[in-house]
Amino acid sequence: MKTIKNPDLFQKIREFLVDYLPTIRSKSVNTVSAYKATINLYLLFLQASQKKGLSDVEKKDFSQKNIIVFLKWLKEERSNGTATRNQRLVHIRQFCKYLMSSDMIVYAEYC
């Protein structure tokens, strides 16, 4: 079994989905599920496009370049419409803002 390169990132994903969204942001169960699905899809995208296993994902993978490629992947590989892609972008952007507020990533790395 591989060691996770960045366990803090996975801890932040958990905190974002379990604590931040439902408690601080007062998001519904369905909304939290949508955010979770988007993050899982982004991790699947990293696996498919960059051959990264879950244990290899790092905070630097949440870059603007990767997010743009993710949106193209959603359109071309999954045939997602504009509204779906925009919703996925909102979810990823909110998660990145959460990482920035937690000092996990800095704005310069995100852009």
PDB file of N, CA and C in Angstrom:
ATOM      1  N   MET A   1       0.841  -1.180   0.000  1.00  0.00           N
ATOM      2  CA  MET A   1       0.000   0.000   0.000  1.00  0.00           C
ATOM      3  C   MET A   1       0.886   1.243   0.000  1.00  0.00           C
ATOM      4  N   LYS A   2       0.574   2.180  -0.888  1.00  0.00           N
ATOM      5  CA  LYS A   2       1.375   3.394  -1.011  1.00  0.00           C
ATOM      6  C   LYS A   2       1.077   4.369   0.115  1.00  0.00           C
ATOM      7  N   THR A   3       2.097   5.127   0.453  1.00  0.00           N
ATOM      8  CA  THR A   3       1.932   6.192   1.432  1.00  0.00           C
ATOM      9  C   THR A   3       1.405   7.430   0.720  1.00  0.00           C
ATOM     10  N   ILE A   4       0.458   8.098   1.313  1.00  0.00           N
ATOM     11  CA  ILE A   4      -0.101   9.319   0.733  1.00  0.00           C
ATOM     12  C   ILE A   4       0.936  10.422   0.851  1.00  0.00           C
ATOM     13  N   LYS A   5       1.235  11.075  -0.298  1.00  0.00           N
ATOM     14  CA  LYS A   5       2.258  12.122  -0.314  1.00  0.00           C
ATOM     15  C   LYS A   5       1.849  13.343   0.499  1.00  0.00           C
ATOM     16  N   ASN A   6       0.572  13.648   0.460  1.00  0.00           N
ATOM     17  CA  ASN A   6       0.112  14.858   1.135  1.00  0.00           C
ATOM     18  C   ASN A   6      -1.137  14.554   1.966  1.00  0.00           C
ATOM     19  N   PRO A   7      -0.976  13.925   3.128  1.00  0.00           N
ATOM     20  CA  PRO A   7      -2.148  13.587   3.941  1.00  0.00           C
ATOM     21  C   PRO A   7      -2.916  14.823   4.410  1.00  0.00           C
ATOM     22  N   ASP A   8      -2.231  15.959   4.528  1.00  0.00           N
ATOM     23  CA  ASP A   8      -2.916  17.197   4.934  1.00  0.00           C
ATOM     24  C   ASP A   8      -3.978  17.600   3.921  1.00  0.00           C
ATOM     25  N   LEU A   9      -3.707  17.369   2.634  1.00  0.00           N
ATOM     26  CA  LEU A   9      -4.681  17.706   1.598  1.00  0.00           C
ATOM     27  C   LEU A   9      -5.952  16.886   1.781  1.00  0.00           C
ATOM     28  N   PHE A  10      -5.808  15.598   2.019  1.00  0.00           N
ATOM     29  CA  PHE A  10      -6.986  14.748   2.193  1.00  0.00           C
ATOM     30  C   PHE A  10      -7.727  15.075   3.489  1.00  0.00           C
ATOM     31  N   GLN A  11      -6.990  15.516   4.484  1.00  0.00           N
ATOM     32  CA  GLN A  11      -7.629  15.983   5.721  1.00  0.00           C
ATOM     33  C   GLN A  11      -8.458  17.234   5.436  1.00  0.00           C
ATOM     34  N   LYS A  12      -7.926  18.128   4.598  1.00  0.00           N
ATOM     35  CA  LYS A  12      -8.656  19.358   4.250  1.00  0.00           C
ATOM     36  C   LYS A  12      -9.892  19.042   3.411  1.00  0.00           C
ATOM     37  N   ILE A  13      -9.793  18.061   2.528  1.00  0.00           N
ATOM     38  CA  ILE A  13     -10.970  17.651   1.750  1.00  0.00           C
ATOM     39  C   ILE A  13     -12.056  17.167   2.707  1.00  0.00           C
ATOM     40  N   ARG A  14     -11.663  16.339   3.655  1.00  0.00           N
ATOM     41  CA  ARG A  14     -12.622  15.826   4.638  1.00  0.00           C
ATOM     42  C   ARG A  14     -13.238  16.961   5.449  1.00  0.00           C
ATOM     43  N   GLU A  15     -12.407  17.866   5.964  1.00  0.00           N
ATOM     44  CA  GLU A  15     -12.915  18.999   6.747  1.00  0.00           C
ATOM     45  C   GLU A  15     -13.861  19.863   5.920  1.00  0.00           C
ATOM     46  N   PHE A  16     -13.515  20.085   4.665  1.00  0.00           N
ATOM     47  CA  PHE A  16     -14.339  20.890   3.767  1.00  0.00           C
ATOM     48  C   PHE A  16     -15.725  20.276   3.607  1.00  0.00           C
ATOM     49  N   LEU A  17     -15.765  18.965   3.380  1.00  0.00           N
ATOM     50  CA  LEU A  17     -17.036  18.283   3.131  1.00  0.00           C
ATOM     51  C   LEU A  17     -17.830  17.998   4.407  1.00  0.00           C
ATOM     52  N   VAL A  18     -17.144  17.699   5.496  1.00  0.00           N
ATOM     53  CA  VAL A  18     -17.829  17.274   6.723  1.00  0.00           C
ATOM     54  C   VAL A  18     -18.114  18.439   7.667  1.00  0.00           C
ATOM     55  N   ASP A  19     -17.189  19.380   7.754  1.00  0.00           N
ATOM     56  CA  ASP A  19     -17.342  20.476   8.718  1.00  0.00           C
ATOM     57  C   ASP A  19     -17.724  21.806   8.068  1.00  0.00           C
ATOM     58  N   TYR A  20     -16.916  22.239   7.111  1.00  0.00           N
ATOM     59  CA  TYR A  20     -17.065  23.588   6.570  1.00  0.00           C
ATOM     60  C   TYR A  20     -18.389  23.796   5.822  1.00  0.00           C
ATOM     61  N   LEU A  21     -18.658  22.961   4.833  1.00  0.00           N
ATOM     62  CA  LEU A  21     -19.870  23.169   4.028  1.00  0.00           C
ATOM     63  C   LEU A  21     -21.158  23.050   4.841  1.00  0.00           C
ATOM     64  N   PRO A  22     -21.355  21.956   5.597  1.00  0.00           N
ATOM     65  CA  PRO A  22     -22.632  21.845   6.314  1.00  0.00           C
ATOM     66  C   PRO A  22     -22.755  22.769   7.520  1.00  0.00           C
ATOM     67  N   THR A  23     -21.663  23.039   8.210  1.00  0.00           N
ATOM     68  CA  THR A  23     -21.740  23.803   9.457  1.00  0.00           C
ATOM     69  C   THR A  23     -21.536  25.295   9.244  1.00  0.00           C
ATOM     70  N   ILE A  24     -20.413  25.660   8.654  1.00  0.00           N
ATOM     71  CA  ILE A  24     -20.079  27.075   8.479  1.00  0.00           C
ATOM     72  C   ILE A  24     -20.908  27.703   7.363  1.00  0.00           C
ATOM     73  N   ARG A  25     -21.016  27.005   6.244  1.00  0.00           N
ATOM     74  CA  ARG A  25     -21.738  27.550   5.088  1.00  0.00           C
ATOM     75  C   ARG A  25     -23.218  27.150   5.059  1.00  0.00           C
ATOM     76  N   SER A  26     -23.634  26.297   5.963  1.00  0.00           N
ATOM     77  CA  SER A  26     -25.031  25.837   6.069  1.00  0.00           C
ATOM     78  C   SER A  26     -25.566  25.247   4.764  1.00  0.00           C
ATOM     79  N   LYS A  27     -24.748  24.444   4.114  1.00  0.00           N
ATOM     80  CA  LYS A  27     -25.160  23.804   2.866  1.00  0.00           C
ATOM     81  C   LYS A  27     -25.956  22.536   3.175  1.00  0.00           C
ATOM     82  N   SER A  28     -26.908  22.239   2.315  1.00  0.00           N
ATOM     83  CA  SER A  28     -27.749  21.055   2.502  1.00  0.00           C
ATOM     84  C   SER A  28     -26.967  19.781   2.191  1.00  0.00           C
ATOM     85  N   VAL A  29     -27.535  18.665   2.585  1.00  0.00           N
ATOM     86  CA  VAL A  29     -26.920  17.361   2.332  1.00  0.00           C
ATOM     87  C   VAL A  29     -26.734  17.152   0.832  1.00  0.00           C
ATOM     88  N   ASN A  30     -27.727  17.525   0.040  1.00  0.00           N
ATOM     89  CA  ASN A  30     -27.631  17.355  -1.411  1.00  0.00           C
ATOM     90  C   ASN A  30     -26.525  18.221  -2.004  1.00  0.00           C
ATOM     91  N   THR A  31     -26.375  19.433  -1.501  1.00  0.00           N
ATOM     92  CA  THR A  31     -25.323  20.324  -1.988  1.00  0.00           C
ATOM     93  C   THR A  31     -23.951  19.771  -1.635  1.00  0.00           C
ATOM     94  N   VAL A  32     -23.802  19.293  -0.415  1.00  0.00           N
ATOM     95  CA  VAL A  32     -22.525  18.693   0.002  1.00  0.00           C
ATOM     96  C   VAL A  32     -22.218  17.475  -0.868  1.00  0.00           C
ATOM     97  N   SER A  33     -23.229  16.694  -1.192  1.00  0.00           N
ATOM     98  CA  SER A  33     -23.037  15.531  -2.071  1.00  0.00           C
ATOM     99  C   SER A  33     -22.560  15.958  -3.455  1.00  0.00           C
ATOM    100  N   ALA A  34     -23.086  17.067  -3.949  1.00  0.00           N
ATOM    101  CA  ALA A  34     -22.657  17.583  -5.253  1.00  0.00           C
ATOM    102  C   ALA A  34     -21.195  18.030  -5.209  1.00  0.00           C
ATOM    103  N   TYR A  35     -20.805  18.694  -4.136  1.00  0.00           N
ATOM    104  CA  TYR A  35     -19.405  19.099  -3.973  1.00  0.00           C
ATOM    105  C   TYR A  35     -18.506  17.862  -3.909  1.00  0.00           C
ATOM    106  N   LYS A  36     -18.933  16.863  -3.163  1.00  0.00           N
ATOM    107  CA  LYS A  36     -18.157  15.628  -3.031  1.00  0.00           C
ATOM    108  C   LYS A  36     -17.995  14.952  -4.388  1.00  0.00           C
ATOM    109  N   ALA A  37     -19.072  14.907  -5.156  1.00  0.00           N
ATOM    110  CA  ALA A  37     -19.016  14.296  -6.484  1.00  0.00           C
ATOM    111  C   ALA A  37     -18.032  15.045  -7.381  1.00  0.00           C
ATOM    112  N   THR A  38     -18.024  16.365  -7.290  1.00  0.00           N
ATOM    113  CA  THR A  38     -17.102  17.157  -8.104  1.00  0.00           C
ATOM    114  C   THR A  38     -15.654  16.892  -7.711  1.00  0.00           C
ATOM    115  N   ILE A  39     -15.375  16.877  -6.422  1.00  0.00           N
ATOM    116  CA  ILE A  39     -13.996  16.621  -5.978  1.00  0.00           C
ATOM    117  C   ILE A  39     -13.567  15.213  -6.385  1.00  0.00           C
ATOM    118  N   ASN A  40     -14.452  14.238  -6.244  1.00  0.00           N
ATOM    119  CA  ASN A  40     -14.136  12.871  -6.676  1.00  0.00           C
ATOM    120  C   ASN A  40     -13.881  12.818  -8.179  1.00  0.00           C
ATOM    121  N   LEU A  41     -14.676  13.558  -8.940  1.00  0.00           N
ATOM    122  CA  LEU A  41     -14.508  13.609 -10.385  1.00  0.00           C
ATOM    123  C   LEU A  41     -13.180  14.268 -10.755  1.00  0.00           C
ATOM    124  N   TYR A  42     -12.809  15.314 -10.026  1.00  0.00           N
ATOM    125  CA  TYR A  42     -11.526  15.974 -10.272  1.00  0.00           C
ATOM    126  C   TYR A  42     -10.369  15.011  -9.990  1.00  0.00           C
ATOM    127  N   LEU A  43     -10.476  14.245  -8.923  1.00  0.00           N
ATOM    128  CA  LEU A  43      -9.442  13.256  -8.612  1.00  0.00           C
ATOM    129  C   LEU A  43      -9.392  12.165  -9.682  1.00  0.00           C
ATOM    130  N   LEU A  44     -10.541  11.763 -10.203  1.00  0.00           N
ATOM    131  CA  LEU A  44     -10.604  10.798 -11.299  1.00  0.00           C
ATOM    132  C   LEU A  44      -9.948  11.373 -12.552  1.00  0.00           C
ATOM    133  N   PHE A  45     -10.216  12.655 -12.816  1.00  0.00           N
ATOM    134  CA  PHE A  45      -9.592  13.341 -13.948  1.00  0.00           C
ATOM    135  C   PHE A  45      -8.070  13.331 -13.811  1.00  0.00           C
ATOM    136  N   LEU A  46      -7.559  13.639 -12.619  1.00  0.00           N
ATOM    137  CA  LEU A  46      -6.106  13.629 -12.407  1.00  0.00           C
ATOM    138  C   LEU A  46      -5.537  12.238 -12.662  1.00  0.00           C
ATOM    139  N   GLN A  47      -6.281  11.234 -12.247  1.00  0.00           N
ATOM    140  CA  GLN A  47      -5.842   9.855 -12.458  1.00  0.00           C
ATOM    141  C   GLN A  47      -5.814   9.529 -13.951  1.00  0.00           C
ATOM    142  N   ALA A  48      -6.854   9.941 -14.676  1.00  0.00           N
ATOM    143  CA  ALA A  48      -6.957   9.623 -16.099  1.00  0.00           C
ATOM    144  C   ALA A  48      -5.977  10.433 -16.948  1.00  0.00           C
ATOM    145  N   SER A  49      -5.844  11.711 -16.655  1.00  0.00           N
ATOM    146  CA  SER A  49      -5.048  12.580 -17.525  1.00  0.00           C
ATOM    147  C   SER A  49      -3.572  12.624 -17.154  1.00  0.00           C
ATOM    148  N   GLN A  50      -3.268  12.466 -15.878  1.00  0.00           N
ATOM    149  CA  GLN A  50      -1.880  12.591 -15.434  1.00  0.00           C
ATOM    150  C   GLN A  50      -1.343  11.306 -14.820  1.00  0.00           C
ATOM    151  N   LYS A  51      -2.135  10.250 -14.911  1.00  0.00           N
ATOM    152  CA  LYS A  51      -1.728   8.946 -14.363  1.00  0.00           C
ATOM    153  C   LYS A  51      -1.336   9.044 -12.889  1.00  0.00           C
ATOM    154  N   LYS A  52      -2.093   9.851 -12.139  1.00  0.00           N
ATOM    155  CA  LYS A  52      -1.830  10.026 -10.707  1.00  0.00           C
ATOM    156  C   LYS A  52      -2.785   9.147  -9.920  1.00  0.00           C
ATOM    157  N   GLY A  53      -2.226   8.338  -9.053  1.00  0.00           N
ATOM    158  CA  GLY A  53      -3.054   7.600  -8.122  1.00  0.00           C
ATOM    159  C   GLY A  53      -3.481   8.529  -6.997  1.00  0.00           C
ATOM    160  N   LEU A  54      -4.439   8.119  -6.218  1.00  0.00           N
ATOM    161  CA  LEU A  54      -4.891   8.952  -5.095  1.00  0.00           C
ATOM    162  C   LEU A  54      -3.748   9.302  -4.158  1.00  0.00           C
ATOM    163  N   SER A  55      -2.850   8.373  -3.962  1.00  0.00           N
ATOM    164  CA  SER A  55      -1.742   8.626  -3.038  1.00  0.00           C
ATOM    165  C   SER A  55      -0.740   9.642  -3.582  1.00  0.00           C
ATOM    166  N   ASP A  56      -0.822   9.942  -4.885  1.00  0.00           N
ATOM    167  CA  ASP A  56       0.118  10.873  -5.513  1.00  0.00           C
ATOM    168  C   ASP A  56      -0.415  12.295  -5.633  1.00  0.00           C
ATOM    169  N   VAL A  57      -1.672  12.517  -5.333  1.00  0.00           N
ATOM    170  CA  VAL A  57      -2.273  13.845  -5.488  1.00  0.00           C
ATOM    171  C   VAL A  57      -1.686  14.796  -4.452  1.00  0.00           C
ATOM    172  N   GLU A  58      -1.330  15.994  -4.936  1.00  0.00           N
ATOM    173  CA  GLU A  58      -0.750  17.014  -4.073  1.00  0.00           C
ATOM    174  C   GLU A  58      -1.526  18.313  -4.233  1.00  0.00           C
ATOM    175  N   LYS A  59      -1.291  19.245  -3.342  1.00  0.00           N
ATOM    176  CA  LYS A  59      -2.006  20.517  -3.406  1.00  0.00           C
ATOM    177  C   LYS A  59      -1.711  21.267  -4.694  1.00  0.00           C
ATOM    178  N   LYS A  60      -0.515  21.088  -5.262  1.00  0.00           N
ATOM    179  CA  LYS A  60      -0.170  21.778  -6.503  1.00  0.00           C
ATOM    180  C   LYS A  60      -1.020  21.297  -7.686  1.00  0.00           C
ATOM    181  N   ASP A  61      -1.698  20.159  -7.534  1.00  0.00           N
ATOM    182  CA  ASP A  61      -2.574  19.658  -8.590  1.00  0.00           C
ATOM    183  C   ASP A  61      -3.848  20.491  -8.731  1.00  0.00           C
ATOM    184  N   PHE A  62      -4.112  21.341  -7.749  1.00  0.00           N
ATOM    185  CA  PHE A  62      -5.265  22.236  -7.819  1.00  0.00           C
ATOM    186  C   PHE A  62      -4.814  23.587  -8.380  1.00  0.00           C
ATOM    187  N   SER A  63      -4.262  23.541  -9.585  1.00  0.00           N
ATOM    188  CA  SER A  63      -3.755  24.745 -10.242  1.00  0.00           C
ATOM    189  C   SER A  63      -4.750  25.215 -11.301  1.00  0.00           C
ATOM    190  N   GLN A  64      -4.605  26.469 -11.696  1.00  0.00           N
ATOM    191  CA  GLN A  64      -5.487  27.021 -12.722  1.00  0.00           C
ATOM    192  C   GLN A  64      -5.364  26.221 -14.017  1.00  0.00           C
ATOM    193  N   LYS A  65      -4.141  25.874 -14.379  1.00  0.00           N
ATOM    194  CA  LYS A  65      -3.912  25.099 -15.602  1.00  0.00           C
ATOM    195  C   LYS A  65      -4.672  23.776 -15.557  1.00  0.00           C
ATOM    196  N   ASN A  66      -4.548  23.047 -14.461  1.00  0.00           N
ATOM    197  CA  ASN A  66      -5.247  21.764 -14.335  1.00  0.00           C
ATOM    198  C   ASN A  66      -6.758  21.935 -14.335  1.00  0.00           C
ATOM    199  N   ILE A  67      -7.239  22.993 -13.717  1.00  0.00           N
ATOM    200  CA  ILE A  67      -8.687  23.222 -13.657  1.00  0.00           C
ATOM    201  C   ILE A  67      -9.238  23.517 -15.048  1.00  0.00           C
ATOM    202  N   ILE A  68      -8.498  24.281 -15.847  1.00  0.00           N
ATOM    203  CA  ILE A  68      -8.927  24.559 -17.222  1.00  0.00           C
ATOM    204  C   ILE A  68      -8.960  23.269 -18.035  1.00  0.00           C
ATOM    205  N   VAL A  69      -7.939  22.441 -17.889  1.00  0.00           N
ATOM    206  CA  VAL A  69      -7.911  21.156 -18.596  1.00  0.00           C
ATOM    207  C   VAL A  69      -9.054  20.263 -18.107  1.00  0.00           C
ATOM    208  N   PHE A  70      -9.355  20.313 -16.823  1.00  0.00           N
ATOM    209  CA  PHE A  70     -10.481  19.564 -16.250  1.00  0.00           C
ATOM    210  C   PHE A  70     -11.796  19.974 -16.917  1.00  0.00           C
ATOM    211  N   LEU A  71     -12.003  21.278 -17.086  1.00  0.00           N
ATOM    212  CA  LEU A  71     -13.231  21.758 -17.725  1.00  0.00           C
ATOM    213  C   LEU A  71     -13.322  21.284 -19.172  1.00  0.00           C
ATOM    214  N   LYS A  72     -12.200  21.277 -19.882  1.00  0.00           N
ATOM    215  CA  LYS A  72     -12.177  20.750 -21.257  1.00  0.00           C
ATOM    216  C   LYS A  72     -12.472  19.256 -21.256  1.00  0.00           C
ATOM    217  N   TRP A  73     -11.909  18.547 -20.286  1.00  0.00           N
ATOM    218  CA  TRP A  73     -12.135  17.107 -20.155  1.00  0.00           C
ATOM    219  C   TRP A  73     -13.616  16.816 -19.917  1.00  0.00           C
ATOM    220  N   LEU A  74     -14.247  17.625 -19.065  1.00  0.00           N
ATOM    221  CA  LEU A  74     -15.680  17.445 -18.809  1.00  0.00           C
ATOM    222  C   LEU A  74     -16.488  17.600 -20.090  1.00  0.00           C
ATOM    223  N   LYS A  75     -16.099  18.559 -20.907  1.00  0.00           N
ATOM    224  CA  LYS A  75     -16.821  18.816 -22.153  1.00  0.00           C
ATOM    225  C   LYS A  75     -16.571  17.715 -23.179  1.00  0.00           C
ATOM    226  N   GLU A  76     -15.303  17.379 -23.390  1.00  0.00           N
ATOM    227  CA  GLU A  76     -14.941  16.470 -24.475  1.00  0.00           C
ATOM    228  C   GLU A  76     -15.116  14.994 -24.123  1.00  0.00           C
ATOM    229  N   GLU A  77     -14.729  14.602 -22.932  1.00  0.00           N
ATOM    230  CA  GLU A  77     -14.766  13.187 -22.563  1.00  0.00           C
ATOM    231  C   GLU A  77     -16.093  12.767 -21.929  1.00  0.00           C
ATOM    232  N   ARG A  78     -16.731  13.693 -21.229  1.00  0.00           N
ATOM    233  CA  ARG A  78     -17.962  13.354 -20.510  1.00  0.00           C
ATOM    234  C   ARG A  78     -19.192  14.015 -21.110  1.00  0.00           C
ATOM    235  N   SER A  79     -18.989  14.832 -22.141  1.00  0.00           N
ATOM    236  CA  SER A  79     -20.078  15.527 -22.843  1.00  0.00           C
ATOM    237  C   SER A  79     -20.952  16.345 -21.898  1.00  0.00           C
ATOM    238  N   ASN A  80     -20.332  16.973 -20.907  1.00  0.00           N
ATOM    239  CA  ASN A  80     -21.071  17.831 -19.975  1.00  0.00           C
ATOM    240  C   ASN A  80     -21.407  19.150 -20.646  1.00  0.00           C
ATOM    241  N   GLY A  81     -22.598  19.645 -20.383  1.00  0.00           N
ATOM    242  CA  GLY A  81     -23.028  20.927 -20.914  1.00  0.00           C
ATOM    243  C   GLY A  81     -22.416  22.087 -20.145  1.00  0.00           C
ATOM    244  N   THR A  82     -22.695  23.277 -20.635  1.00  0.00           N
ATOM    245  CA  THR A  82     -22.140  24.490 -20.036  1.00  0.00           C
ATOM    246  C   THR A  82     -22.554  24.647 -18.580  1.00  0.00           C
ATOM    247  N   ALA A  83     -23.821  24.439 -18.275  1.00  0.00           N
ATOM    248  CA  ALA A  83     -24.307  24.623 -16.898  1.00  0.00           C
ATOM    249  C   ALA A  83     -23.613  23.655 -15.934  1.00  0.00           C
ATOM    250  N   THR A  84     -23.439  22.421 -16.360  1.00  0.00           N
ATOM    251  CA  THR A  84     -22.772  21.430 -15.509  1.00  0.00           C
ATOM    252  C   THR A  84     -21.314  21.804 -15.282  1.00  0.00           C
ATOM    253  N   ARG A  85     -20.637  22.203 -16.359  1.00  0.00           N
ATOM    254  CA  ARG A  85     -19.228  22.597 -16.220  1.00  0.00           C
ATOM    255  C   ARG A  85     -19.090  23.809 -15.312  1.00  0.00           C
ATOM    256  N   ASN A  86     -19.990  24.767 -15.457  1.00  0.00           N
ATOM    257  CA  ASN A  86     -19.940  25.951 -14.593  1.00  0.00           C
ATOM    258  C   ASN A  86     -20.164  25.578 -13.131  1.00  0.00           C
ATOM    259  N   GLN A  87     -21.073  24.651 -12.884  1.00  0.00           N
ATOM    260  CA  GLN A  87     -21.322  24.221 -11.506  1.00  0.00           C
ATOM    261  C   GLN A  87     -20.097  23.523 -10.926  1.00  0.00           C
ATOM    262  N   ARG A  88     -19.473  22.677 -11.733  1.00  0.00           N
ATOM    263  CA  ARG A  88     -18.245  22.000 -11.282  1.00  0.00           C
ATOM    264  C   ARG A  88     -17.150  23.027 -10.982  1.00  0.00           C
ATOM    265  N   LEU A  89     -17.056  24.058 -11.818  1.00  0.00           N
ATOM    266  CA  LEU A  89     -16.062  25.112 -11.597  1.00  0.00           C
ATOM    267  C   LEU A  89     -16.315  25.837 -10.278  1.00  0.00           C
ATOM    268  N   VAL A  90     -17.573  26.134  -9.987  1.00  0.00           N
ATOM    269  CA  VAL A  90     -17.923  26.786  -8.717  1.00  0.00           C
ATOM    270  C   VAL A  90     -17.477  25.917  -7.542  1.00  0.00           C
ATOM    271  N   HIS A  91     -17.717  24.629  -7.628  1.00  0.00           N
ATOM    272  CA  HIS A  91     -17.339  23.709  -6.545  1.00  0.00           C
ATOM    273  C   HIS A  91     -15.821  23.674  -6.350  1.00  0.00           C
ATOM    274  N   ILE A  92     -15.080  23.538  -7.436  1.00  0.00           N
ATOM    275  CA  ILE A  92     -13.615  23.489  -7.344  1.00  0.00           C
ATOM    276  C   ILE A  92     -13.070  24.824  -6.852  1.00  0.00           C
ATOM    277  N   ARG A  93     -13.630  25.915  -7.357  1.00  0.00           N
ATOM    278  CA  ARG A  93     -13.160  27.243  -6.930  1.00  0.00           C
ATOM    279  C   ARG A  93     -13.414  27.449  -5.439  1.00  0.00           C
ATOM    280  N   GLN A  94     -14.576  27.030  -4.951  1.00  0.00           N
ATOM    281  CA  GLN A  94     -14.885  27.170  -3.520  1.00  0.00           C
ATOM    282  C   GLN A  94     -13.921  26.336  -2.678  1.00  0.00           C
ATOM    283  N   PHE A  95     -13.605  25.139  -3.155  1.00  0.00           N
ATOM    284  CA  PHE A  95     -12.647  24.310  -2.429  1.00  0.00           C
ATOM    285  C   PHE A  95     -11.260  24.956  -2.425  1.00  0.00           C
ATOM    286  N   CYS A  96     -10.842  25.520  -3.549  1.00  0.00           N
ATOM    287  CA  CYS A  96      -9.535  26.190  -3.610  1.00  0.00           C
ATOM    288  C   CYS A  96      -9.504  27.413  -2.696  1.00  0.00           C
ATOM    289  N   LYS A  97     -10.598  28.140  -2.617  1.00  0.00           N
ATOM    290  CA  LYS A  97     -10.661  29.275  -1.686  1.00  0.00           C
ATOM    291  C   LYS A  97     -10.538  28.782  -0.247  1.00  0.00           C
ATOM    292  N   TYR A  98     -11.141  27.646   0.035  1.00  0.00           N
ATOM    293  CA  TYR A  98     -11.022  27.053   1.367  1.00  0.00           C
ATOM    294  C   TYR A  98      -9.565  26.682   1.650  1.00  0.00           C
ATOM    295  N   LEU A  99      -8.898  26.095   0.662  1.00  0.00           N
ATOM    296  CA  LEU A  99      -7.484  25.763   0.836  1.00  0.00           C
ATOM    297  C   LEU A  99      -6.647  27.019   1.057  1.00  0.00           C
ATOM    298  N   MET A 100      -6.977  28.091   0.342  1.00  0.00           N
ATOM    299  CA  MET A 100      -6.245  29.351   0.532  1.00  0.00           C
ATOM    300  C   MET A 100      -6.480  29.911   1.929  1.00  0.00           C
ATOM    301  N   SER A 101      -7.704  29.842   2.407  1.00  0.00           N
ATOM    302  CA  SER A 101      -8.004  30.355   3.746  1.00  0.00           C
ATOM    303  C   SER A 101      -7.328  29.518   4.832  1.00  0.00           C
ATOM    304  N   SER A 102      -7.002  28.286   4.501  1.00  0.00           N
ATOM    305  CA  SER A 102      -6.309  27.390   5.436  1.00  0.00           C
ATOM    306  C   SER A 102      -4.797  27.420   5.232  1.00  0.00           C
ATOM    307  N   ASP A 103      -4.344  28.319   4.368  1.00  0.00           N
ATOM    308  CA  ASP A 103      -2.915  28.445   4.038  1.00  0.00           C
ATOM    309  C   ASP A 103      -2.326  27.166   3.444  1.00  0.00           C
ATOM    310  N   MET A 104      -3.161  26.375   2.781  1.00  0.00           N
ATOM    311  CA  MET A 104      -2.666  25.173   2.102  1.00  0.00           C
ATOM    312  C   MET A 104      -2.097  25.534   0.730  1.00  0.00           C
ATOM    313  N   ILE A 105      -2.735  26.478   0.053  1.00  0.00           N
ATOM    314  CA  ILE A 105      -2.213  26.978  -1.214  1.00  0.00           C
ATOM    315  C   ILE A 105      -2.234  28.494  -1.149  1.00  0.00           C
ATOM    316  N   VAL A 106      -1.396  29.099  -1.964  1.00  0.00           N
ATOM    317  CA  VAL A 106      -1.373  30.556  -2.041  1.00  0.00           C
ATOM    318  C   VAL A 106      -1.903  30.967  -3.402  1.00  0.00           C
ATOM    319  N   TYR A 107      -2.402  32.183  -3.481  1.00  0.00           N
ATOM    320  CA  TYR A 107      -3.042  32.668  -4.698  1.00  0.00           C
ATOM    321  C   TYR A 107      -2.133  32.513  -5.908  1.00  0.00           C
ATOM    322  N   ALA A 108      -0.855  32.805  -5.753  1.00  0.00           N
ATOM    323  CA  ALA A 108       0.087  32.720  -6.870  1.00  0.00           C
ATOM    324  C   ALA A 108       0.183  31.294  -7.423  1.00  0.00           C
ATOM    325  N   GLU A 109       0.078  30.283  -6.571  1.00  0.00           N
ATOM    326  CA  GLU A 109       0.115  28.892  -7.026  1.00  0.00           C
ATOM    327  C   GLU A 109      -1.182  28.508  -7.729  1.00  0.00           C
ATOM    328  N   TYR A 110      -2.274  29.049  -7.256  1.00  0.00           N
ATOM    329  CA  TYR A 110      -3.600  28.729  -7.782  1.00  0.00           C
ATOM    330  C   TYR A 110      -3.768  29.311  -9.175  1.00  0.00           C
ATOM    331  N   CYS A 111      -3.209  30.485  -9.400  1.00  0.00           N
ATOM    332  CA  CYS A 111      -3.302  31.153 -10.703  1.00  0.00           C
ATOM    333  C   CYS A 111      -2.154  30.724 -11.545  1.00  0.00           C
TER     334      CYS A 111
END
